[in-house]
């Protein structure tokens, strides 16, 4: 993984009440089935388009190598159907210290937690690994 090809970490912050079918199917494709599920994905154009489509329900940014290693070590689970494989998502806890002041209904640039947050995603995920 080169410096320009950092993995993207995506985290679902909102539940499934009132979701449109297109958004729900995009969440399924991203393996973000429930609230506080987290995934590591490649930074391809297709994946970035899916992230932008569901930006009102998730937050995402570039994962540091340290964070990716920490997620795999502490939060990975074996797949019950195929015990030799790991699951494609990580289950996390709510963040220690809570969310930002405006919460999970407002974009990151407006003082909330939704949408793209760049490298600052690493701080949030570390607080949620517990």
N, C-alpha and C. Protein backbone atom coordinates (compact mmCIF):
# COMPACT_ATOMS: atom_id res chain seq x y z
N UNK A 1 0.85 -1.17 0.00
CA UNK A 1 0.00 0.00 0.00
C UNK A 1 0.90 1.23 0.00
N UNK A 2 0.82 2.04 -1.03
CA UNK A 2 1.64 3.24 -1.11
C UNK A 2 0.97 4.38 -0.35
N UNK A 3 1.68 5.49 -0.26
CA UNK A 3 1.16 6.63 0.48
C UNK A 3 -0.10 7.20 -0.17
N UNK A 4 -0.17 7.13 -1.52
CA UNK A 4 -1.34 7.67 -2.21
C UNK A 4 -2.51 6.69 -2.19
N UNK A 5 -2.29 5.43 -1.91
CA UNK A 5 -3.33 4.41 -1.94
C UNK A 5 -3.70 3.94 -0.53
N UNK A 6 -3.97 4.86 0.38
CA UNK A 6 -4.40 4.46 1.72
C UNK A 6 -5.81 3.89 1.67
N UNK A 7 -6.05 2.93 2.51
CA UNK A 7 -7.39 2.33 2.61
C UNK A 7 -8.35 3.38 3.17
N UNK A 8 -9.61 3.25 2.79
CA UNK A 8 -10.65 4.12 3.31
C UNK A 8 -11.42 3.33 4.36
N UNK A 9 -11.65 3.98 5.50
CA UNK A 9 -12.45 3.36 6.54
C UNK A 9 -13.80 4.07 6.54
N UNK A 10 -14.89 3.28 6.48
CA UNK A 10 -16.25 3.81 6.49
C UNK A 10 -16.98 3.28 7.71
N UNK A 11 -17.73 4.15 8.37
CA UNK A 11 -18.42 3.82 9.61
C UNK A 11 -19.87 4.26 9.52
N UNK A 12 -20.78 3.34 9.76
CA UNK A 12 -22.20 3.68 9.74
C UNK A 12 -22.59 4.27 11.09
N UNK A 13 -23.21 5.45 11.08
CA UNK A 13 -23.58 6.13 12.31
C UNK A 13 -25.08 6.14 12.59
N UNK A 14 -25.88 5.90 11.56
CA UNK A 14 -27.32 5.97 11.73
C UNK A 14 -27.96 4.63 11.42
N UNK A 15 -29.12 4.39 12.00
CA UNK A 15 -29.83 3.13 11.86
C UNK A 15 -30.54 3.00 10.52
N UNK A 16 -31.48 2.06 10.45
CA UNK A 16 -32.11 1.76 9.17
C UNK A 16 -33.56 2.24 9.08
N UNK A 17 -34.03 3.06 9.97
CA UNK A 17 -35.41 3.57 9.91
C UNK A 17 -35.54 4.58 8.77
N UNK A 18 -36.51 4.35 7.91
CA UNK A 18 -36.83 5.31 6.87
C UNK A 18 -35.84 5.39 5.72
N UNK A 19 -35.05 4.36 5.50
CA UNK A 19 -34.07 4.38 4.41
C UNK A 19 -34.75 4.08 3.08
N UNK A 20 -34.34 4.79 2.05
CA UNK A 20 -34.81 4.47 0.70
C UNK A 20 -34.15 3.17 0.26
N UNK A 21 -34.76 2.49 -0.68
CA UNK A 21 -34.25 1.19 -1.11
C UNK A 21 -32.87 1.31 -1.74
N UNK A 22 -32.61 2.36 -2.51
CA UNK A 22 -31.30 2.55 -3.14
C UNK A 22 -30.20 2.75 -2.13
N UNK A 23 -30.48 3.49 -1.08
CA UNK A 23 -29.49 3.72 -0.03
C UNK A 23 -29.27 2.45 0.76
N UNK A 24 -30.33 1.73 1.04
CA UNK A 24 -30.21 0.48 1.80
C UNK A 24 -29.38 -0.55 1.02
N UNK A 25 -29.58 -0.63 -0.29
CA UNK A 25 -28.81 -1.58 -1.09
C UNK A 25 -27.34 -1.17 -1.18
N UNK A 26 -27.08 0.13 -1.22
CA UNK A 26 -25.69 0.60 -1.23
C UNK A 26 -25.01 0.26 0.09
N UNK A 27 -25.72 0.41 1.19
CA UNK A 27 -25.17 0.05 2.51
C UNK A 27 -24.86 -1.44 2.54
N UNK A 28 -25.72 -2.26 1.95
CA UNK A 28 -25.48 -3.70 1.91
C UNK A 28 -24.24 -4.02 1.08
N UNK A 29 -24.07 -3.33 -0.05
CA UNK A 29 -22.89 -3.56 -0.88
C UNK A 29 -21.61 -3.17 -0.15
N UNK A 30 -21.71 -2.17 0.73
CA UNK A 30 -20.55 -1.74 1.51
C UNK A 30 -20.36 -2.57 2.78
N UNK A 31 -21.23 -3.54 3.04
CA UNK A 31 -21.21 -4.37 4.25
C UNK A 31 -21.42 -3.55 5.53
N UNK A 32 -22.19 -2.49 5.42
CA UNK A 32 -22.54 -1.67 6.58
C UNK A 32 -23.99 -1.97 6.94
N UNK A 33 -24.23 -3.14 7.54
CA UNK A 33 -25.57 -3.64 7.78
C UNK A 33 -26.25 -2.99 8.98
N UNK A 34 -25.50 -2.62 10.00
CA UNK A 34 -26.07 -2.08 11.21
C UNK A 34 -25.29 -0.86 11.68
N UNK A 35 -25.86 -0.17 12.64
CA UNK A 35 -25.22 0.99 13.24
C UNK A 35 -23.91 0.58 13.91
N UNK A 36 -22.88 1.40 13.76
CA UNK A 36 -21.53 1.21 14.31
C UNK A 36 -20.77 0.06 13.65
N UNK A 37 -21.19 -0.37 12.47
CA UNK A 37 -20.39 -1.31 11.69
C UNK A 37 -19.38 -0.49 10.90
N UNK A 38 -18.20 -1.03 10.76
CA UNK A 38 -17.09 -0.34 10.13
C UNK A 38 -16.45 -1.27 9.09
N UNK A 39 -16.01 -0.71 7.95
CA UNK A 39 -15.35 -1.51 6.92
C UNK A 39 -14.11 -0.77 6.41
N UNK A 40 -13.16 -1.55 5.93
CA UNK A 40 -11.99 -1.01 5.22
C UNK A 40 -12.17 -1.34 3.75
N UNK A 41 -12.12 -0.32 2.88
CA UNK A 41 -12.31 -0.53 1.45
C UNK A 41 -11.21 0.16 0.66
N UNK A 42 -11.05 -0.28 -0.59
CA UNK A 42 -10.07 0.32 -1.49
C UNK A 42 -10.59 1.67 -2.00
N UNK A 43 -9.71 2.63 -2.25
CA UNK A 43 -10.16 3.94 -2.74
C UNK A 43 -10.38 3.97 -4.26
N UNK A 44 -11.33 3.18 -4.74
CA UNK A 44 -11.65 3.17 -6.17
C UNK A 44 -12.76 4.18 -6.45
N UNK A 45 -12.95 4.50 -7.71
CA UNK A 45 -14.00 5.45 -8.09
C UNK A 45 -15.39 4.92 -7.74
N UNK A 46 -15.60 3.62 -7.91
CA UNK A 46 -16.89 3.01 -7.58
C UNK A 46 -17.18 3.13 -6.09
N UNK A 47 -16.20 2.78 -5.26
CA UNK A 47 -16.40 2.87 -3.81
C UNK A 47 -16.62 4.30 -3.36
N UNK A 48 -15.88 5.25 -3.93
CA UNK A 48 -16.07 6.65 -3.55
C UNK A 48 -17.46 7.15 -3.95
N UNK A 49 -17.97 6.69 -5.09
CA UNK A 49 -19.32 7.05 -5.50
C UNK A 49 -20.36 6.51 -4.54
N UNK A 50 -20.17 5.27 -4.07
CA UNK A 50 -21.10 4.69 -3.10
C UNK A 50 -21.05 5.45 -1.78
N UNK A 51 -19.86 5.87 -1.35
CA UNK A 51 -19.73 6.63 -0.11
C UNK A 51 -20.46 7.96 -0.21
N UNK A 52 -20.34 8.62 -1.34
CA UNK A 52 -21.02 9.91 -1.53
C UNK A 52 -22.54 9.73 -1.54
N UNK A 53 -23.01 8.60 -2.05
CA UNK A 53 -24.45 8.35 -2.09
C UNK A 53 -25.04 8.22 -0.69
N UNK A 54 -24.29 7.59 0.23
CA UNK A 54 -24.81 7.35 1.58
C UNK A 54 -24.18 8.28 2.61
N UNK A 55 -23.72 9.44 2.17
CA UNK A 55 -23.00 10.37 3.04
C UNK A 55 -23.84 10.88 4.22
N UNK A 56 -25.16 10.82 4.11
CA UNK A 56 -26.01 11.30 5.19
C UNK A 56 -26.24 10.27 6.28
N UNK A 57 -25.60 9.10 6.15
CA UNK A 57 -25.78 8.04 7.14
C UNK A 57 -24.45 7.50 7.67
N UNK A 58 -23.33 7.87 7.05
CA UNK A 58 -22.03 7.33 7.43
C UNK A 58 -21.01 8.46 7.56
N UNK A 59 -19.86 8.11 8.09
CA UNK A 59 -18.69 8.98 8.05
C UNK A 59 -17.53 8.15 7.52
N UNK A 60 -16.58 8.79 6.84
CA UNK A 60 -15.46 8.05 6.28
C UNK A 60 -14.25 8.96 6.14
N UNK A 61 -13.08 8.30 5.97
CA UNK A 61 -11.81 9.00 5.78
C UNK A 61 -10.71 8.00 5.53
N UNK A 62 -9.48 8.51 5.40
CA UNK A 62 -8.34 7.65 5.13
C UNK A 62 -7.84 7.02 6.43
N UNK A 63 -7.72 5.71 6.42
CA UNK A 63 -7.27 4.98 7.60
C UNK A 63 -5.75 4.96 7.64
N UNK A 64 -5.19 5.22 8.81
CA UNK A 64 -3.74 5.08 8.98
C UNK A 64 -3.39 3.60 9.05
N UNK A 65 -2.14 3.27 8.78
CA UNK A 65 -1.72 1.86 8.86
C UNK A 65 -1.90 1.32 10.27
N UNK A 66 -1.64 2.17 11.26
CA UNK A 66 -1.79 1.77 12.66
C UNK A 66 -3.24 1.42 12.98
N UNK A 67 -4.18 2.22 12.47
CA UNK A 67 -5.59 1.96 12.72
C UNK A 67 -6.05 0.68 12.05
N UNK A 68 -5.62 0.46 10.81
CA UNK A 68 -6.02 -0.76 10.10
C UNK A 68 -5.52 -2.00 10.84
N UNK A 69 -4.30 -1.95 11.33
CA UNK A 69 -3.74 -3.07 12.07
C UNK A 69 -4.50 -3.27 13.39
N UNK A 70 -4.86 -2.17 14.06
CA UNK A 70 -5.57 -2.24 15.34
C UNK A 70 -6.97 -2.84 15.14
N UNK A 71 -7.66 -2.45 14.06
CA UNK A 71 -8.98 -3.01 13.78
C UNK A 71 -8.91 -4.51 13.56
N UNK A 72 -7.96 -4.95 12.77
CA UNK A 72 -7.85 -6.37 12.47
C UNK A 72 -7.49 -7.16 13.72
N UNK A 73 -6.59 -6.64 14.55
CA UNK A 73 -6.17 -7.36 15.75
C UNK A 73 -7.27 -7.44 16.80
N UNK A 74 -7.96 -6.31 17.06
CA UNK A 74 -8.86 -6.26 18.19
C UNK A 74 -10.32 -6.53 17.88
N UNK A 75 -10.77 -6.26 16.65
CA UNK A 75 -12.20 -6.33 16.38
C UNK A 75 -12.60 -7.31 15.28
N UNK A 76 -11.66 -8.06 14.71
CA UNK A 76 -12.05 -9.00 13.64
C UNK A 76 -12.71 -10.24 14.24
N UNK A 77 -13.64 -10.81 13.47
CA UNK A 77 -14.39 -11.98 13.91
C UNK A 77 -14.34 -13.05 12.82
N UNK A 78 -14.43 -14.28 13.23
CA UNK A 78 -14.49 -15.38 12.26
C UNK A 78 -15.90 -15.50 11.71
N UNK A 79 -16.00 -15.86 10.45
CA UNK A 79 -17.28 -16.06 9.80
C UNK A 79 -17.86 -17.40 10.27
N UNK A 80 -19.12 -17.41 10.71
CA UNK A 80 -19.71 -18.64 11.24
C UNK A 80 -19.96 -19.67 10.13
N UNK A 81 -20.20 -19.21 8.89
CA UNK A 81 -20.44 -20.13 7.79
C UNK A 81 -19.15 -20.75 7.27
N UNK A 82 -18.07 -20.00 7.30
CA UNK A 82 -16.78 -20.48 6.84
C UNK A 82 -15.72 -20.06 7.86
N UNK A 83 -15.43 -20.90 8.86
CA UNK A 83 -14.55 -20.52 9.97
C UNK A 83 -13.12 -20.16 9.56
N UNK A 84 -12.73 -20.50 8.35
CA UNK A 84 -11.37 -20.16 7.92
C UNK A 84 -11.25 -18.72 7.45
N UNK A 85 -12.39 -18.04 7.22
CA UNK A 85 -12.39 -16.67 6.75
C UNK A 85 -12.82 -15.72 7.85
N UNK A 86 -12.35 -14.47 7.73
CA UNK A 86 -12.75 -13.42 8.65
C UNK A 86 -13.94 -12.68 8.04
N UNK A 87 -14.78 -12.06 8.89
CA UNK A 87 -15.89 -11.27 8.40
C UNK A 87 -15.36 -10.00 7.73
N UNK A 88 -16.15 -9.42 6.85
CA UNK A 88 -15.70 -8.27 6.06
C UNK A 88 -16.00 -6.94 6.74
N UNK A 89 -16.50 -6.99 7.97
CA UNK A 89 -16.81 -5.76 8.70
C UNK A 89 -16.35 -5.90 10.14
N UNK A 90 -16.32 -4.78 10.84
CA UNK A 90 -15.93 -4.75 12.25
C UNK A 90 -17.07 -4.12 13.04
N UNK A 91 -17.42 -4.73 14.16
CA UNK A 91 -18.44 -4.17 15.04
C UNK A 91 -17.74 -3.32 16.08
N UNK A 92 -18.20 -2.09 16.25
CA UNK A 92 -17.57 -1.17 17.19
C UNK A 92 -18.57 -0.74 18.25
N UNK A 93 -18.04 -0.13 19.32
CA UNK A 93 -18.84 0.43 20.39
C UNK A 93 -19.11 1.91 20.09
N UNK A 94 -20.09 2.52 20.76
CA UNK A 94 -20.22 3.97 20.64
C UNK A 94 -18.94 4.65 21.14
N UNK A 95 -18.62 5.83 20.64
CA UNK A 95 -17.34 6.46 21.01
C UNK A 95 -17.28 6.90 22.46
N UNK A 96 -16.14 6.66 23.08
CA UNK A 96 -15.90 7.14 24.43
C UNK A 96 -15.85 8.66 24.36
N UNK A 97 -16.63 9.33 25.19
CA UNK A 97 -16.69 10.79 25.15
C UNK A 97 -17.78 11.31 24.23
N UNK A 98 -18.46 10.44 23.52
CA UNK A 98 -19.58 10.83 22.68
C UNK A 98 -19.19 11.44 21.35
N UNK A 99 -20.19 11.91 20.63
CA UNK A 99 -20.00 12.53 19.33
C UNK A 99 -19.80 14.03 19.51
N UNK A 100 -19.60 14.70 18.39
CA UNK A 100 -19.43 16.15 18.43
C UNK A 100 -20.75 16.81 18.83
N UNK A 101 -20.70 18.10 19.09
CA UNK A 101 -21.83 18.83 19.65
C UNK A 101 -23.11 18.72 18.84
N UNK A 102 -23.04 18.78 17.51
CA UNK A 102 -24.24 18.78 16.68
C UNK A 102 -24.71 17.38 16.31
N UNK A 103 -23.95 16.34 16.66
CA UNK A 103 -24.42 14.97 16.56
C UNK A 103 -24.38 14.31 15.20
N UNK A 104 -25.19 13.25 15.05
CA UNK A 104 -25.13 12.39 13.88
C UNK A 104 -26.19 12.74 12.83
N UNK A 105 -26.71 13.95 12.87
CA UNK A 105 -27.67 14.38 11.86
C UNK A 105 -27.13 15.54 11.03
N UNK A 106 -25.92 15.99 11.32
CA UNK A 106 -25.33 17.15 10.66
C UNK A 106 -23.97 16.75 10.10
N UNK A 107 -23.59 17.35 8.98
CA UNK A 107 -22.31 17.06 8.35
C UNK A 107 -21.12 17.47 9.18
N UNK A 108 -19.98 16.85 8.91
CA UNK A 108 -18.77 17.10 9.69
C UNK A 108 -18.31 18.56 9.60
N UNK A 109 -18.42 19.16 8.42
CA UNK A 109 -17.98 20.55 8.25
C UNK A 109 -18.87 21.55 8.95
N UNK A 110 -20.07 21.14 9.35
CA UNK A 110 -21.01 22.01 10.05
C UNK A 110 -21.07 21.71 11.54
N UNK A 111 -20.09 21.01 12.07
CA UNK A 111 -20.04 20.71 13.50
C UNK A 111 -20.64 19.38 13.90
N UNK A 112 -21.09 18.58 12.93
CA UNK A 112 -21.67 17.27 13.23
C UNK A 112 -20.67 16.16 12.98
N UNK A 113 -21.17 14.97 12.67
CA UNK A 113 -20.29 13.81 12.50
C UNK A 113 -20.43 13.09 11.17
N UNK A 114 -21.36 13.46 10.33
CA UNK A 114 -21.58 12.73 9.08
C UNK A 114 -20.65 13.19 7.96
N UNK A 115 -20.44 12.31 6.98
CA UNK A 115 -19.68 12.68 5.79
C UNK A 115 -18.18 12.46 5.90
N UNK A 116 -17.47 13.07 4.96
CA UNK A 116 -16.02 12.89 4.86
C UNK A 116 -15.30 13.69 5.94
N UNK A 117 -14.34 13.05 6.61
CA UNK A 117 -13.56 13.74 7.64
C UNK A 117 -12.06 13.54 7.51
N UNK A 118 -11.59 12.90 6.45
CA UNK A 118 -10.16 12.79 6.20
C UNK A 118 -9.44 11.95 7.24
N UNK A 119 -8.27 12.43 7.65
CA UNK A 119 -7.44 11.71 8.62
C UNK A 119 -8.04 11.71 10.03
N UNK A 120 -8.97 12.61 10.31
CA UNK A 120 -9.54 12.70 11.65
C UNK A 120 -10.45 11.52 11.98
N UNK A 121 -10.75 10.69 10.99
CA UNK A 121 -11.54 9.48 11.24
C UNK A 121 -10.79 8.54 12.19
N UNK A 122 -9.46 8.59 12.14
CA UNK A 122 -8.64 7.71 12.97
C UNK A 122 -8.90 7.94 14.46
N UNK A 123 -9.06 9.22 14.87
CA UNK A 123 -9.32 9.52 16.27
C UNK A 123 -10.67 8.95 16.72
N UNK A 124 -11.69 9.10 15.87
CA UNK A 124 -13.02 8.59 16.21
C UNK A 124 -13.02 7.07 16.34
N UNK A 125 -12.41 6.39 15.39
CA UNK A 125 -12.41 4.92 15.40
C UNK A 125 -11.64 4.40 16.63
N UNK A 126 -10.53 5.04 16.96
CA UNK A 126 -9.77 4.61 18.14
C UNK A 126 -10.60 4.73 19.41
N UNK A 127 -11.45 5.77 19.49
CA UNK A 127 -12.32 5.90 20.66
C UNK A 127 -13.42 4.86 20.67
N UNK A 128 -13.72 4.28 19.51
CA UNK A 128 -14.79 3.29 19.42
C UNK A 128 -14.31 1.85 19.55
N UNK A 129 -13.01 1.61 19.43
CA UNK A 129 -12.50 0.24 19.54
C UNK A 129 -12.60 -0.27 20.97
N UNK A 130 -12.31 0.57 21.91
CA UNK A 130 -12.39 0.29 23.35
C UNK A 130 -11.73 -0.96 23.76
